[in-house]
Amino acid sequence: MPSHHDAGRRSFTLALKLAAEADDAPPAGHILRAMAHQATDLGHPQPAVDLATASVDRTRHTLATPRERALLGVVQARSLAADGQKRAAIAALLCQRPAGFPRGRPEISL
């Protein structure tokens, strides 16, 4: 019996194709973010990194709402952390700071 994750992956893939066909970057970024979440949850960190990185590429990120941009960054950081890339994960989170947010050095030990 096929898993719900397989059906979800097929639906995400179709939605991504439709967003690309419509040349609608923000929904494409949102779909890629969801796919990265799924890949991380299923224990596939490298595909999750690839999907999350694609979600923040070009206009998928710049045309997204501020809320969505933050979520894209969090999922990118999560996938990088799951892949063992701690410094890159921290950097991804720090890049998401809104204007006016303090720029002090984070107290995070690796």
C-alpha atoms as a PDB file:
ATOM      1  CA  MET A   1       0.000   0.000   0.000  1.00  0.00           C
ATOM      2  CA  PRO A   2       1.463   3.398  -0.977  1.00  0.00           C
ATOM      3  CA  SER A   3       2.285   5.748   1.847  1.00  0.00           C
ATOM      4  CA  HIS A   4       0.647   9.099   2.398  1.00  0.00           C
ATOM      5  CA  HIS A   5       4.087  10.620   1.930  1.00  0.00           C
ATOM      6  CA  ASP A   6       4.259   9.245  -1.612  1.00  0.00           C
ATOM      7  CA  ALA A   7       0.894  10.800  -2.426  1.00  0.00           C
ATOM      8  CA  GLY A   8       2.019  14.047  -0.828  1.00  0.00           C
ATOM      9  CA  ARG A   9       5.237  14.078  -2.861  1.00  0.00           C
ATOM     10  CA  ARG A  10       3.273  13.565  -6.083  1.00  0.00           C
ATOM     11  CA  SER A  11       0.884  16.375  -5.163  1.00  0.00           C
ATOM     12  CA  PHE A  12       3.757  18.703  -4.276  1.00  0.00           C
ATOM     13  CA  THR A  13       5.479  17.895  -7.576  1.00  0.00           C
ATOM     14  CA  LEU A  14       2.330  18.659  -9.565  1.00  0.00           C
ATOM     15  CA  ALA A  15       1.749  21.887  -7.623  1.00  0.00           C
ATOM     16  CA  LEU A  16       5.350  22.940  -8.254  1.00  0.00           C
ATOM     17  CA  LYS A  17       4.972  22.307 -11.986  1.00  0.00           C
ATOM     18  CA  LEU A  18       1.775  24.365 -12.055  1.00  0.00           C
ATOM     19  CA  ALA A  19       3.403  27.236 -10.149  1.00  0.00           C
ATOM     20  CA  ALA A  20       6.320  27.173 -12.595  1.00  0.00           C
ATOM     21  CA  GLU A  21       3.953  27.097 -15.562  1.00  0.00           C
ATOM     22  CA  ALA A  22       2.127  30.116 -14.141  1.00  0.00           C
ATOM     23  CA  ASP A  23       5.488  31.812 -13.504  1.00  0.00           C
ATOM     24  CA  ASP A  24       4.388  32.367  -9.903  1.00  0.00           C
ATOM     25  CA  ALA A  25       7.560  32.323  -7.806  1.00  0.00           C
ATOM     26  CA  PRO A  26       6.206  32.798  -4.242  1.00  0.00           C
ATOM     27  CA  PRO A  27       3.935  29.729  -4.323  1.00  0.00           C
ATOM     28  CA  ALA A  28       6.793  27.738  -5.850  1.00  0.00           C
ATOM     29  CA  GLY A  29       8.977  28.722  -2.890  1.00  0.00           C
ATOM     30  CA  HIS A  30       6.223  27.746  -0.468  1.00  0.00           C
ATOM     31  CA  ILE A  31       5.836  24.330  -2.130  1.00  0.00           C
ATOM     32  CA  LEU A  32       9.582  23.725  -2.107  1.00  0.00           C
ATOM     33  CA  ARG A  33       9.611  24.665   1.586  1.00  0.00           C
ATOM     34  CA  ALA A  34       6.925  22.058   2.285  1.00  0.00           C
ATOM     35  CA  MET A  35       8.852  19.465   0.288  1.00  0.00           C
ATOM     36  CA  ALA A  36      12.009  20.246   2.283  1.00  0.00           C
ATOM     37  CA  HIS A  37      10.048  19.778   5.520  1.00  0.00           C
ATOM     38  CA  GLN A  38       8.829  16.412   4.301  1.00  0.00           C
ATOM     39  CA  ALA A  39      12.293  15.283   3.238  1.00  0.00           C
ATOM     40  CA  THR A  40      13.750  16.260   6.620  1.00  0.00           C
ATOM     41  CA  ASP A  41      10.941  14.488   8.477  1.00  0.00           C
ATOM     42  CA  LEU A  42      11.552  11.337   6.417  1.00  0.00           C
ATOM     43  CA  GLY A  43      15.278  11.362   7.218  1.00  0.00           C
ATOM     44  CA  HIS A  44      16.563  12.570   3.850  1.00  0.00           C
ATOM     45  CA  PRO A  45      18.692  15.572   4.839  1.00  0.00           C
ATOM     46  CA  GLN A  46      20.587  16.169   1.578  1.00  0.00           C
ATOM     47  CA  PRO A  47      17.479  16.319  -0.627  1.00  0.00           C
ATOM     48  CA  ALA A  48      15.947  18.555   2.062  1.00  0.00           C
ATOM     49  CA  VAL A  49      18.917  20.925   1.787  1.00  0.00           C
ATOM     50  CA  ASP A  50      18.573  20.977  -2.002  1.00  0.00           C
ATOM     51  CA  LEU A  51      14.839  21.702  -1.817  1.00  0.00           C
ATOM     52  CA  ALA A  52      15.212  24.354   0.891  1.00  0.00           C
ATOM     53  CA  THR A  53      18.036  26.026  -1.022  1.00  0.00           C
ATOM     54  CA  ALA A  54      15.861  26.126  -4.135  1.00  0.00           C
ATOM     55  CA  SER A  55      13.031  27.660  -2.083  1.00  0.00           C
ATOM     56  CA  VAL A  56      15.144  30.711  -1.226  1.00  0.00           C
ATOM     57  CA  ASP A  57      16.579  31.132  -4.719  1.00  0.00           C
ATOM     58  CA  ARG A  58      15.919  34.342  -6.648  1.00  0.00           C
ATOM     59  CA  THR A  59      12.370  35.669  -6.786  1.00  0.00           C
ATOM     60  CA  ARG A  60      10.974  32.741  -4.794  1.00  0.00           C
ATOM     61  CA  HIS A  61      12.442  34.540  -1.798  1.00  0.00           C
ATOM     62  CA  THR A  62      12.453  38.197  -2.810  1.00  0.00           C
ATOM     63  CA  LEU A  63       8.790  38.261  -3.887  1.00  0.00           C
ATOM     64  CA  ALA A  64       7.568  36.288  -0.870  1.00  0.00           C
ATOM     65  CA  THR A  65       5.868  38.012   2.044  1.00  0.00           C
ATOM     66  CA  PRO A  66       8.048  38.797   5.076  1.00  0.00           C
ATOM     67  CA  ARG A  67       6.372  35.943   6.991  1.00  0.00           C
ATOM     68  CA  GLU A  68       7.044  33.468   4.187  1.00  0.00           C
ATOM     69  CA  ARG A  69      10.654  34.664   3.821  1.00  0.00           C
ATOM     70  CA  ALA A  70      11.180  33.959   7.522  1.00  0.00           C
ATOM     71  CA  LEU A  71       9.643  30.497   7.179  1.00  0.00           C
ATOM     72  CA  LEU A  72      11.788  29.748   4.134  1.00  0.00           C
ATOM     73  CA  GLY A  73      14.879  30.664   6.137  1.00  0.00           C
ATOM     74  CA  VAL A  74      13.860  28.560   9.126  1.00  0.00           C
ATOM     75  CA  VAL A  75      13.265  25.493   6.963  1.00  0.00           C
ATOM     76  CA  GLN A  76      16.581  26.047   5.207  1.00  0.00           C
ATOM     77  CA  ALA A  77      18.310  26.235   8.599  1.00  0.00           C
ATOM     78  CA  ARG A  78      16.468  23.118   9.799  1.00  0.00           C
ATOM     79  CA  SER A  79      17.506  21.117   6.759  1.00  0.00           C
ATOM     80  CA  LEU A  80      21.118  22.262   7.058  1.00  0.00           C
ATOM     81  CA  ALA A  81      21.152  21.293  10.745  1.00  0.00           C
ATOM     82  CA  ALA A  82      19.675  17.881   9.921  1.00  0.00           C
ATOM     83  CA  ASP A  83      22.490  17.433   7.403  1.00  0.00           C
ATOM     84  CA  GLY A  84      25.079  18.241  10.091  1.00  0.00           C
ATOM     85  CA  GLN A  85      25.900  21.683   8.686  1.00  0.00           C
ATOM     86  CA  LYS A  86      25.600  23.587  11.975  1.00  0.00           C
ATOM     87  CA  ARG A  87      27.470  26.739  10.976  1.00  0.00           C
ATOM     88  CA  ALA A  88      25.512  27.054   7.741  1.00  0.00           C
ATOM     89  CA  ALA A  89      22.275  26.522   9.680  1.00  0.00           C
ATOM     90  CA  ILE A  90      23.145  29.341  12.077  1.00  0.00           C
ATOM     91  CA  ALA A  91      24.104  31.583   9.163  1.00  0.00           C
ATOM     92  CA  ALA A  92      20.769  30.860   7.468  1.00  0.00           C
ATOM     93  CA  LEU A  93      18.927  31.927  10.613  1.00  0.00           C
ATOM     94  CA  LEU A  94      21.002  35.063  11.066  1.00  0.00           C
ATOM     95  CA  CYS A  95      20.296  36.119   7.478  1.00  0.00           C
ATOM     96  CA  GLN A  96      16.601  36.246   8.360  1.00  0.00           C
ATOM     97  CA  ARG A  97      16.893  39.127  10.837  1.00  0.00           C
ATOM     98  CA  PRO A  98      14.401  41.883  10.172  1.00  0.00           C
ATOM     99  CA  ALA A  99      15.645  45.454   9.817  1.00  0.00           C
ATOM    100  CA  GLY A 100      16.394  46.974  13.202  1.00  0.00           C
ATOM    101  CA  PHE A 101      16.998  43.622  14.900  1.00  0.00           C
ATOM    102  CA  PRO A 102      20.092  43.724  17.148  1.00  0.00           C
ATOM    103  CA  ARG A 103      23.262  42.589  15.409  1.00  0.00           C
ATOM    104  CA  GLY A 104      25.137  41.316  18.462  1.00  0.00           C
ATOM    105  CA  ARG A 105      27.166  38.132  18.350  1.00  0.00           C
ATOM    106  CA  PRO A 106      24.981  35.099  19.051  1.00  0.00           C
ATOM    107  CA  GLU A 107      25.827  33.107  22.151  1.00  0.00           C
ATOM    108  CA  ILE A 108      25.753  29.729  20.433  1.00  0.00           C
ATOM    109  CA  SER A 109      28.448  27.159  20.974  1.00  0.00           C
ATOM    110  CA  LEU A 110      29.163  24.592  18.318  1.00  0.00           C
END
